[in-house]
């Protein structure tokens, strides 16, 4: 299976199953498009008619080059991965590599589009005790098998509302990691209101990454990300974010924004972030119920897709000017790419990765917390809801019939189970709107990397 498209002045051909990417001229592009459906003679006749100035010998040579790529397994490669999907996941069955610790089911903001019900996750406000957090870390070590690197995200709500527990939990993890043969890598996700020098020092010392929530333009941010008095937070958090990022040397952070129906033209928000001095960026489509005022609509889709293309153009322009920036969804490696396990098995939610509530309950990921039917167990007894975990274990790219003919399936790995469930009622469903966004992001990401390689060559 191949996917062909034109973007940024390049004719791009992606061979889906081999992962090969080819940048070709117009003749080769057209020959590849006809290669599986027409005979050699028919293709060459059409090429002669379309490109009369090109000698017949050159057209024949181009056809032979395409055939050679096919024979080498770099074009029209068969899909040999499906039998591996279940087997690869079985190899890591029962091994947990990451936990999302919900240290605070409460928040000091009242964001309009919050999927977590302003941090309460459809329940009561609560904070995690040190004892529960300590047990969660022990649970991770006990169930991590031979894995050396373990990931822990301090999440909420707003985790800094329970910072006095976060700090001793990290100290405990550091005290046990050497004897356990592990290395903890911590991430902190924060809205920024409580950032101070203590937080900055801690984050720079202990956190491999810090995720900072900012929606870009002040008017967009302040329309959604308000406190309980209805006041916007932009002016209070931006200086704190700037101080933190500067103290981190401009590395190992992400400025994470959300775009909604109010700002499908989100490139303006990215430009504001760049103007503020931030260059590690992520802009995510909102996750909310259909009919919510924030929800993206079909009418927004053309604008959003255009924004992704313009974003790619901006990245190329700034790189050429010596002012590059990173956009999370455009981080792609054309030489190696994601490992085949990741490509066919998905994110690992519910199996390798789980969320822990303040009470120690286990859920497949943070977006399922509070949905009682998805409760897997707890950090004392472990996973006891085997049917739900089995559902997530089987949640790979081949579990979705709609994905079988999609060129992007080995990049999205079947997509987000939570988004699928919210959209269709099934974790193996397909969130079609999200699919359109993902495919456009991949086309743009590939083109950006192609331009980089051509420039470096």
Protein backbone atom coordinates (compact mmCIF):
# COMPACT_ATOMS: atom_id res chain seq x y z
CA UNK A 1 0.00 0.00 0.00
CA UNK A 2 1.25 3.47 -0.85
CA UNK A 3 0.14 7.00 -0.04
CA UNK A 4 0.94 9.82 -2.47
CA UNK A 5 0.56 13.53 -1.88
CA UNK A 6 2.02 16.88 -2.92
CA UNK A 7 2.99 19.39 -0.25
CA UNK A 8 5.56 22.13 0.14
CA UNK A 9 6.70 21.73 -3.46
CA UNK A 10 7.51 18.03 -3.00
CA UNK A 11 5.98 14.96 -4.63
CA UNK A 12 5.92 12.53 -1.72
CA UNK A 13 5.32 8.78 -1.84
CA UNK A 14 5.01 6.83 1.38
CA UNK A 15 5.22 3.05 1.26
CA UNK A 16 3.00 2.18 4.21
CA UNK A 17 4.32 -1.21 5.28
CA UNK A 18 8.04 -0.74 4.66
CA UNK A 19 8.03 2.82 6.00
CA UNK A 20 10.04 3.98 2.99
CA UNK A 21 9.49 7.56 1.89
CA UNK A 22 10.36 8.70 -1.61
CA UNK A 23 10.57 12.23 -3.03
CA UNK A 24 10.14 11.91 -6.79
CA UNK A 25 9.66 13.92 -9.96
CA UNK A 26 6.32 14.24 -11.74
CA UNK A 27 6.90 11.28 -14.05
CA UNK A 28 7.82 8.85 -11.29
CA UNK A 29 4.91 10.15 -9.20
CA UNK A 30 2.46 9.37 -11.99
CA UNK A 31 4.01 5.98 -12.80
CA UNK A 32 3.80 4.91 -9.16
CA UNK A 33 0.15 5.95 -9.06
CA UNK A 34 -0.65 3.62 -11.99
CA UNK A 35 1.82 0.85 -11.25
CA UNK A 36 -0.49 -1.66 -9.59
CA UNK A 37 -3.52 -1.08 -11.79
CA UNK A 38 -2.13 -0.97 -15.33
CA UNK A 39 0.33 -2.81 -17.55
CA UNK A 40 3.78 -1.52 -18.36
CA UNK A 41 2.72 -0.77 -21.91
CA UNK A 42 -0.38 1.09 -20.78
CA UNK A 43 1.53 3.18 -18.24
CA UNK A 44 4.28 4.12 -20.69
CA UNK A 45 1.72 5.05 -23.32
CA UNK A 46 0.03 7.42 -20.88
CA UNK A 47 3.36 8.91 -19.84
CA UNK A 48 4.35 9.50 -23.46
CA UNK A 49 1.07 11.31 -24.06
CA UNK A 50 1.37 13.41 -20.90
CA UNK A 51 5.10 14.18 -21.19
CA UNK A 52 5.81 14.32 -24.97
CA UNK A 53 9.11 16.13 -24.45
CA UNK A 54 10.62 13.28 -22.43
CA UNK A 55 12.40 10.59 -24.54
CA UNK A 56 10.92 7.11 -24.51
CA UNK A 57 14.16 5.71 -23.10
CA UNK A 58 13.95 7.93 -20.03
CA UNK A 59 10.36 6.90 -19.42
CA UNK A 60 11.36 3.24 -19.63
CA UNK A 61 14.25 3.86 -17.24
CA UNK A 62 11.93 5.55 -14.76
CA UNK A 63 9.52 2.60 -14.92
CA UNK A 64 12.40 0.19 -14.29
CA UNK A 65 13.51 2.21 -11.27
CA UNK A 66 10.02 1.97 -9.77
CA UNK A 67 10.00 -1.77 -10.43
CA UNK A 68 13.39 -2.09 -8.74
CA UNK A 69 12.07 -0.32 -5.64
CA UNK A 70 9.13 -2.72 -5.59
CA UNK A 71 11.42 -5.72 -5.91
CA UNK A 72 13.61 -4.37 -3.08
CA UNK A 73 10.57 -4.15 -0.77
CA UNK A 74 10.56 -0.36 -0.68
CA UNK A 75 7.38 0.13 -2.71
CA UNK A 76 4.11 -1.83 -2.50
CA UNK A 77 5.48 -3.89 0.38
CA UNK A 78 3.00 -6.38 1.87
CA UNK A 79 1.71 -6.04 5.42
CA UNK A 80 3.42 -8.78 7.42
CA UNK A 81 2.78 -7.26 10.85
CA UNK A 82 -0.75 -8.40 11.69
CA UNK A 83 0.25 -11.84 13.06
CA UNK A 84 2.74 -10.08 15.35
CA UNK A 85 0.29 -7.65 16.96
CA UNK A 86 -1.03 -9.93 19.69
CA UNK A 87 2.24 -11.81 20.14
CA UNK A 88 4.27 -8.67 20.79
CA UNK A 89 1.87 -7.49 23.45
CA UNK A 90 1.91 -10.89 25.12
CA UNK A 91 5.66 -10.57 25.65
CA UNK A 92 5.11 -7.61 27.96
CA UNK A 93 1.93 -8.91 29.59
CA UNK A 94 1.79 -7.88 33.23
CA UNK A 95 4.68 -5.42 32.88
CA UNK A 96 3.92 -1.82 33.86
CA UNK A 97 6.30 0.90 32.67
CA UNK A 98 4.49 4.11 33.59
CA UNK A 99 1.99 5.57 36.03
CA UNK A 100 0.07 8.82 35.95
CA UNK A 101 -0.27 9.83 39.61
CA UNK A 102 -3.35 11.95 40.20
CA UNK A 103 -1.92 13.67 43.24
CA UNK A 104 -4.69 16.29 43.23
CA UNK A 105 -8.30 15.82 42.23
CA UNK A 106 -8.80 19.51 42.66
CA UNK A 107 -7.76 22.60 40.75
CA UNK A 108 -7.36 26.33 41.23
CA UNK A 109 -8.72 26.98 37.74
CA UNK A 110 -12.20 26.39 36.36
CA UNK A 111 -11.42 25.77 32.69
CA UNK A 112 -14.48 25.67 30.49
CA UNK A 113 -13.36 22.70 28.38
CA UNK A 114 -11.81 20.58 31.17
CA UNK A 115 -12.38 16.88 30.44
CA UNK A 116 -11.68 16.18 34.13
CA UNK A 117 -14.61 18.19 35.51
CA UNK A 118 -12.31 20.90 36.87
CA UNK A 119 -10.08 18.26 38.38
CA UNK A 120 -12.80 16.33 40.25
CA UNK A 121 -13.12 13.57 37.60
CA UNK A 122 -16.87 13.25 38.20
CA UNK A 123 -16.28 12.67 41.91
CA UNK A 124 -15.23 14.48 45.05
CA UNK A 125 -12.25 16.80 45.44
CA UNK A 126 -9.32 15.04 47.04
CA UNK A 127 -5.53 14.97 47.26
CA UNK A 128 -3.28 11.93 47.34
CA UNK A 129 -1.60 11.09 50.64
CA UNK A 130 2.08 10.30 50.85
CA UNK A 131 1.21 6.73 51.88
CA UNK A 132 -0.90 6.15 48.77
CA UNK A 133 1.73 7.70 46.52
CA UNK A 134 4.49 5.63 48.11
CA UNK A 135 2.49 2.46 47.58
CA UNK A 136 1.91 3.46 43.94
CA UNK A 137 5.66 3.78 43.39
CA UNK A 138 6.21 0.40 45.03
CA UNK A 139 3.50 -1.08 42.83
CA UNK A 140 5.25 0.27 39.75
CA UNK A 141 8.60 -1.22 40.79
CA UNK A 142 7.02 -4.57 41.70
CA UNK A 143 5.24 -4.84 38.35
CA UNK A 144 7.88 -3.42 36.02
CA UNK A 145 9.66 -6.67 35.28
CA UNK A 146 13.12 -6.13 33.81
CA UNK A 147 12.42 -2.57 32.66
CA UNK A 148 15.05 -0.11 33.88
CA UNK A 149 13.43 3.23 33.03
CA UNK A 150 10.10 3.93 34.73
CA UNK A 151 7.92 6.93 33.96
CA UNK A 152 5.82 8.81 36.52
CA UNK A 153 3.69 11.84 35.68
CA UNK A 154 2.43 14.08 38.48
CA UNK A 155 -1.00 15.06 37.28
CA UNK A 156 -4.29 16.56 38.39
CA UNK A 157 -6.33 18.66 38.62
CA UNK A 158 -3.42 20.80 39.54
CA UNK A 159 -0.59 18.73 41.07
CA UNK A 160 1.14 21.73 42.64
CA UNK A 161 -1.82 22.00 45.02
CA UNK A 162 -0.30 18.90 46.62
CA UNK A 163 3.36 19.82 46.13
CA UNK A 164 4.18 18.97 49.76
CA UNK A 165 3.44 15.32 48.88
CA UNK A 166 5.08 15.38 45.45
CA UNK A 167 8.47 16.30 46.90
CA UNK A 168 8.78 13.45 49.44
CA UNK A 169 7.45 10.97 46.85
CA UNK A 170 10.29 11.86 44.52
CA UNK A 171 12.75 11.60 47.40
CA UNK A 172 11.39 8.14 48.21
CA UNK A 173 11.72 7.03 44.58
CA UNK A 174 15.31 8.22 44.48
CA UNK A 175 16.04 6.33 47.69
CA UNK A 176 14.93 2.97 46.25
CA UNK A 177 15.81 3.17 42.56
CA UNK A 178 19.43 2.03 42.85
CA UNK A 179 18.71 -1.10 44.89
CA UNK A 180 15.69 -1.86 42.68
CA UNK A 181 17.75 -1.48 39.51
CA UNK A 182 15.42 1.22 38.22
CA UNK A 183 15.61 4.81 37.01
CA UNK A 184 12.60 7.03 37.64
CA UNK A 185 11.84 9.77 35.13
CA UNK A 186 9.33 12.29 36.40
CA UNK A 187 7.06 14.66 34.52
CA UNK A 188 5.07 17.51 36.03
CA UNK A 189 1.98 18.91 34.31
CA UNK A 190 0.87 22.29 35.65
CA UNK A 191 -1.30 25.30 34.92
CA UNK A 192 1.44 27.49 36.39
CA UNK A 193 -0.42 29.49 39.02
CA UNK A 194 1.61 28.04 41.92
CA UNK A 195 5.03 28.09 40.28
CA UNK A 196 7.63 29.72 42.51
CA UNK A 197 11.37 29.41 43.05
CA UNK A 198 10.95 26.21 45.04
CA UNK A 199 8.93 24.61 42.24
CA UNK A 200 11.43 25.75 39.62
CA UNK A 201 14.39 24.38 41.57
CA UNK A 202 12.60 21.08 42.14
CA UNK A 203 11.51 20.73 38.51
CA UNK A 204 14.99 21.47 37.20
CA UNK A 205 16.55 18.97 39.60
CA UNK A 206 14.05 16.12 39.38
CA UNK A 207 11.78 16.37 36.35
CA UNK A 208 12.80 15.05 32.96
CA UNK A 209 10.01 17.10 31.44
CA UNK A 210 7.56 19.79 32.49
CA UNK A 211 4.27 20.34 30.66
CA UNK A 212 2.94 23.90 30.91
CA UNK A 213 -0.64 24.78 29.97
CA UNK A 214 -1.04 27.91 27.86
CA UNK A 215 -3.57 28.42 25.07
CA UNK A 216 -1.67 31.14 23.22
CA UNK A 217 -3.45 34.45 22.66
CA UNK A 218 -4.45 36.20 25.88
CA UNK A 219 -8.06 36.61 24.78
CA UNK A 220 -8.34 32.92 23.83
CA UNK A 221 -6.60 31.68 26.98
CA UNK A 222 -8.55 33.95 29.32
CA UNK A 223 -11.89 33.01 27.77
CA UNK A 224 -11.46 29.39 28.91
CA UNK A 225 -8.74 29.14 31.55
CA UNK A 226 -10.30 31.14 34.36
CA UNK A 227 -10.26 30.94 38.14
CA UNK A 228 -13.39 30.44 40.23
CA UNK A 229 -14.02 34.18 40.28
CA UNK A 230 -14.08 34.16 36.48
CA UNK A 231 -10.74 35.93 36.08
CA UNK A 232 -8.36 34.94 33.33
CA UNK A 233 -4.96 33.51 34.23
CA UNK A 234 -2.75 34.56 31.31
CA UNK A 235 -1.02 37.53 32.93
CA UNK A 236 -0.35 35.60 36.13
CA UNK A 237 1.20 32.52 34.56
CA UNK A 238 3.17 33.76 31.53
CA UNK A 239 5.96 35.44 33.57
CA UNK A 240 6.23 32.32 35.73
CA UNK A 241 6.46 30.08 32.67
CA UNK A 242 9.16 32.34 31.22
CA UNK A 243 11.17 32.15 34.44
CA UNK A 244 10.88 28.36 34.60
CA UNK A 245 11.82 27.84 30.95
CA UNK A 246 14.78 30.19 31.25
CA UNK A 247 15.96 28.34 34.36
CA UNK A 248 15.72 25.04 32.44
CA UNK A 249 17.91 26.43 29.67
CA UNK A 250 14.98 26.36 27.25
CA UNK A 251 14.93 22.56 27.19
CA UNK A 252 12.90 19.63 28.46
CA UNK A 253 9.51 21.31 28.63
CA UNK A 254 6.39 21.57 26.52
CA UNK A 255 4.08 24.54 26.23
CA UNK A 256 0.81 22.72 25.76
CA UNK A 257 -2.19 24.54 24.35
CA UNK A 258 -5.70 23.45 23.50
CA UNK A 259 -7.59 24.73 20.48
CA UNK A 260 -11.36 24.69 20.35
CA UNK A 261 -14.23 25.96 18.23
CA UNK A 262 -13.22 29.44 19.40
CA UNK A 263 -9.76 29.23 17.82
CA UNK A 264 -9.49 26.77 14.95
CA UNK A 265 -7.01 29.33 13.58
CA UNK A 266 -4.58 28.11 16.25
CA UNK A 267 -1.45 29.13 14.33
CA UNK A 268 -2.03 32.62 15.75
CA UNK A 269 -1.73 31.11 19.23
CA UNK A 270 1.47 29.30 18.31
CA UNK A 271 2.88 32.57 16.99
CA UNK A 272 2.09 34.25 20.33
CA UNK A 273 3.91 31.47 22.19
CA UNK A 274 6.93 31.94 19.93
CA UNK A 275 6.85 35.70 20.49
CA UNK A 276 6.87 35.04 24.25
CA UNK A 277 10.09 33.06 23.86
CA UNK A 278 8.71 29.52 23.98
CA UNK A 279 9.89 27.12 21.28
CA UNK A 280 8.91 23.65 22.55
CA UNK A 281 5.25 23.61 21.63
CA UNK A 282 2.20 21.43 21.47
CA UNK A 283 -1.30 22.46 20.41
CA UNK A 284 -3.95 19.81 20.98
CA UNK A 285 -7.51 19.61 19.67
CA UNK A 286 -10.07 19.84 22.45
CA UNK A 287 -11.58 16.62 23.86
CA UNK A 288 -15.20 17.20 24.83
CA UNK A 289 -18.71 15.95 24.17
CA UNK A 290 -20.38 16.62 20.85
CA UNK A 291 -22.56 19.68 21.19
CA UNK A 292 -20.31 21.30 23.77
CA UNK A 293 -19.71 24.96 22.81
CA UNK A 294 -15.97 24.24 22.72
CA UNK A 295 -16.27 21.21 20.42
CA UNK A 296 -14.68 21.40 17.00
CA UNK A 297 -17.24 21.17 14.18
CA UNK A 298 -17.17 19.94 10.61
CA UNK A 299 -17.17 23.58 9.57
CA UNK A 300 -13.92 24.06 11.54
CA UNK A 301 -12.14 21.17 9.81
CA UNK A 302 -10.93 22.95 6.64
CA UNK A 303 -9.51 25.76 8.77
CA UNK A 304 -7.72 23.35 11.10
CA UNK A 305 -6.21 21.36 8.23
CA UNK A 306 -5.02 24.58 6.60
CA UNK A 307 -3.47 25.65 9.90
CA UNK A 308 -1.39 22.48 10.06
CA UNK A 309 -0.02 23.18 6.57
CA UNK A 310 0.75 26.79 7.42
CA UNK A 311 2.42 25.63 10.62
CA UNK A 312 4.70 23.36 8.57
CA UNK A 313 5.58 26.30 6.34
CA UNK A 314 6.37 28.44 9.39
CA UNK A 315 8.62 25.73 10.84
CA UNK A 316 10.57 25.51 7.61
CA UNK A 317 10.86 29.29 7.32
CA UNK A 318 12.11 29.73 10.87
CA UNK A 319 14.56 26.83 10.61
CA UNK A 320 16.08 28.38 7.52
CA UNK A 321 16.37 31.65 9.45
CA UNK A 322 18.18 29.90 12.29
CA UNK A 323 15.18 30.21 14.64
CA UNK A 324 13.82 26.66 14.77
CA UNK A 325 11.10 25.46 17.10
CA UNK A 326 9.65 22.09 17.97
CA UNK A 327 6.03 21.09 17.49
CA UNK A 328 5.19 17.89 19.35
CA UNK A 329 3.01 16.32 16.66
CA UNK A 330 5.63 16.92 13.97
CA UNK A 331 8.37 15.01 15.77
CA UNK A 332 9.03 12.09 13.44
CA UNK A 333 12.14 10.12 12.55
CA UNK A 334 12.30 9.24 8.86
CA UNK A 335 15.43 7.12 9.24
CA UNK A 336 14.34 4.86 12.08
CA UNK A 337 10.87 5.86 13.09
CA UNK A 338 8.89 4.33 15.96
CA UNK A 339 9.68 0.71 16.75
CA UNK A 340 7.38 -1.89 15.26
CA UNK A 341 6.03 -2.75 18.71
CA UNK A 342 4.81 0.80 19.15
CA UNK A 343 3.47 0.96 15.61
CA UNK A 344 1.17 -2.02 15.89
CA UNK A 345 0.44 -2.21 19.63
CA UNK A 346 -0.55 1.36 20.46
CA UNK A 347 0.07 3.46 23.55
CA UNK A 348 -0.19 0.68 26.15
CA UNK A 349 -2.99 2.26 28.17
CA UNK A 350 -4.55 -0.21 30.57
CA UNK A 351 -1.61 -2.59 30.33
CA UNK A 352 1.81 -0.89 30.40
CA UNK A 353 0.47 2.48 31.47
CA UNK A 354 -2.18 3.26 34.08
CA UNK A 355 -3.53 6.17 36.09
CA UNK A 356 -3.74 6.17 39.88
CA UNK A 357 -6.42 8.15 41.72
CA UNK A 358 -5.88 9.85 45.11
CA UNK A 359 -7.43 6.75 46.69
CA UNK A 360 -5.12 4.32 44.88
CA UNK A 361 -7.59 3.05 42.27
CA UNK A 362 -6.18 2.03 38.89
CA UNK A 363 -7.64 3.15 35.57
CA UNK A 364 -6.41 2.58 32.00
CA UNK A 365 -5.37 6.23 31.62
CA UNK A 366 -6.19 9.68 32.95
CA UNK A 367 -9.05 10.13 30.48
CA UNK A 368 -10.94 7.15 31.92
CA UNK A 369 -10.60 8.15 35.57
CA UNK A 370 -14.03 8.48 37.19
CA UNK A 371 -15.69 6.13 34.70
CA UNK A 372 -16.38 3.29 37.15
CA UNK A 373 -16.81 0.67 34.46
CA UNK A 374 -13.14 1.13 33.55
CA UNK A 375 -11.76 0.76 37.06
CA UNK A 376 -9.08 -1.95 36.82
CA UNK A 377 -8.29 -2.50 40.48
CA UNK A 378 -6.03 -0.75 42.95
CA UNK A 379 -2.38 -0.45 43.93
CA UNK A 380 -2.74 -2.99 46.75
CA UNK A 381 -4.55 -5.85 45.02
CA UNK A 382 -3.40 -5.00 41.52
CA UNK A 383 -5.55 -5.46 38.44
CA UNK A 384 -8.66 -7.48 39.22
CA UNK A 385 -10.91 -6.34 36.37
CA UNK A 386 -9.41 -8.73 33.86
CA UNK A 387 -12.11 -8.35 31.17
CA UNK A 388 -11.49 -4.60 30.86
CA UNK A 389 -7.73 -5.04 30.82
CA UNK A 390 -8.09 -7.74 28.17
CA UNK A 391 -10.10 -5.28 26.10
CA UNK A 392 -7.23 -2.80 26.25
CA UNK A 393 -4.64 -5.51 25.64
CA UNK A 394 -6.44 -6.35 22.39
CA UNK A 395 -6.66 -2.68 21.45
CA UNK A 396 -4.15 -2.56 18.59
CA UNK A 397 -4.24 -1.17 15.10
CA UNK A 398 -5.61 -4.42 13.69
CA UNK A 399 -8.52 -4.48 16.14
CA UNK A 400 -10.19 -1.71 14.13
CA UNK A 401 -11.60 -2.77 10.78
CA UNK A 402 -11.77 0.86 9.66
CA UNK A 403 -7.97 1.13 9.99
CA UNK A 404 -7.05 -1.70 7.66
CA UNK A 405 -7.11 0.41 4.52
CA UNK A 406 -5.72 3.57 6.10
CA UNK A 407 -2.24 4.68 5.04
CA UNK A 408 -1.54 6.24 8.45
CA UNK A 409 -2.31 3.17 10.55
CA UNK A 410 1.30 2.37 11.38
CA UNK A 411 1.87 5.94 12.56
CA UNK A 412 -1.22 6.39 14.74
CA UNK A 413 -1.27 2.73 15.90
CA UNK A 414 -5.06 2.84 15.85
CA UNK A 415 -5.45 6.15 17.63
CA UNK A 416 -6.46 7.10 21.16
CA UNK A 417 -8.68 4.58 22.95
CA UNK A 418 -10.25 7.31 25.08
CA UNK A 419 -11.15 9.44 22.08
CA UNK A 420 -12.58 6.36 20.38
CA UNK A 421 -14.68 5.51 23.42
CA UNK A 422 -16.01 9.06 23.77
CA UNK A 423 -16.89 9.17 20.06
CA UNK A 424 -18.25 5.65 19.53
CA UNK A 425 -18.76 3.98 22.91
CA UNK A 426 -15.99 1.47 22.19
CA UNK A 427 -12.25 1.62 22.84
CA UNK A 428 -11.75 -0.11 19.50
CA UNK A 429 -13.93 2.38 17.67
CA UNK A 430 -12.64 5.14 15.43
CA UNK A 431 -12.82 8.85 16.16
CA UNK A 432 -13.09 9.93 12.55
CA UNK A 433 -12.59 13.65 13.13
CA UNK A 434 -9.38 12.87 14.98
CA UNK A 435 -8.30 10.64 12.09
CA UNK A 436 -8.51 13.53 9.66
CA UNK A 437 -6.40 15.71 11.93
CA UNK A 438 -3.84 12.98 12.48
CA UNK A 439 -3.41 12.22 8.79
CA UNK A 440 -2.84 15.87 7.98
CA UNK A 441 -0.31 16.16 10.83
CA UNK A 442 1.61 13.17 9.49
CA UNK A 443 1.68 14.54 5.96
CA UNK A 444 3.01 17.83 7.27
CA UNK A 445 5.49 16.20 9.66
CA UNK A 446 6.95 14.08 6.86
CA UNK A 447 7.23 17.07 4.57
CA UNK A 448 8.99 19.16 7.24
CA UNK A 449 11.55 16.41 7.80
CA UNK A 450 12.06 15.96 4.05
CA UNK A 451 12.78 19.67 3.70
CA UNK A 452 15.25 19.48 6.57
CA UNK A 453 17.11 16.58 4.97
CA UNK A 454 17.21 18.26 1.56
CA UNK A 455 18.55 21.45 3.16
CA UNK A 456 21.24 19.57 5.06
CA UNK A 457 22.28 17.63 1.97
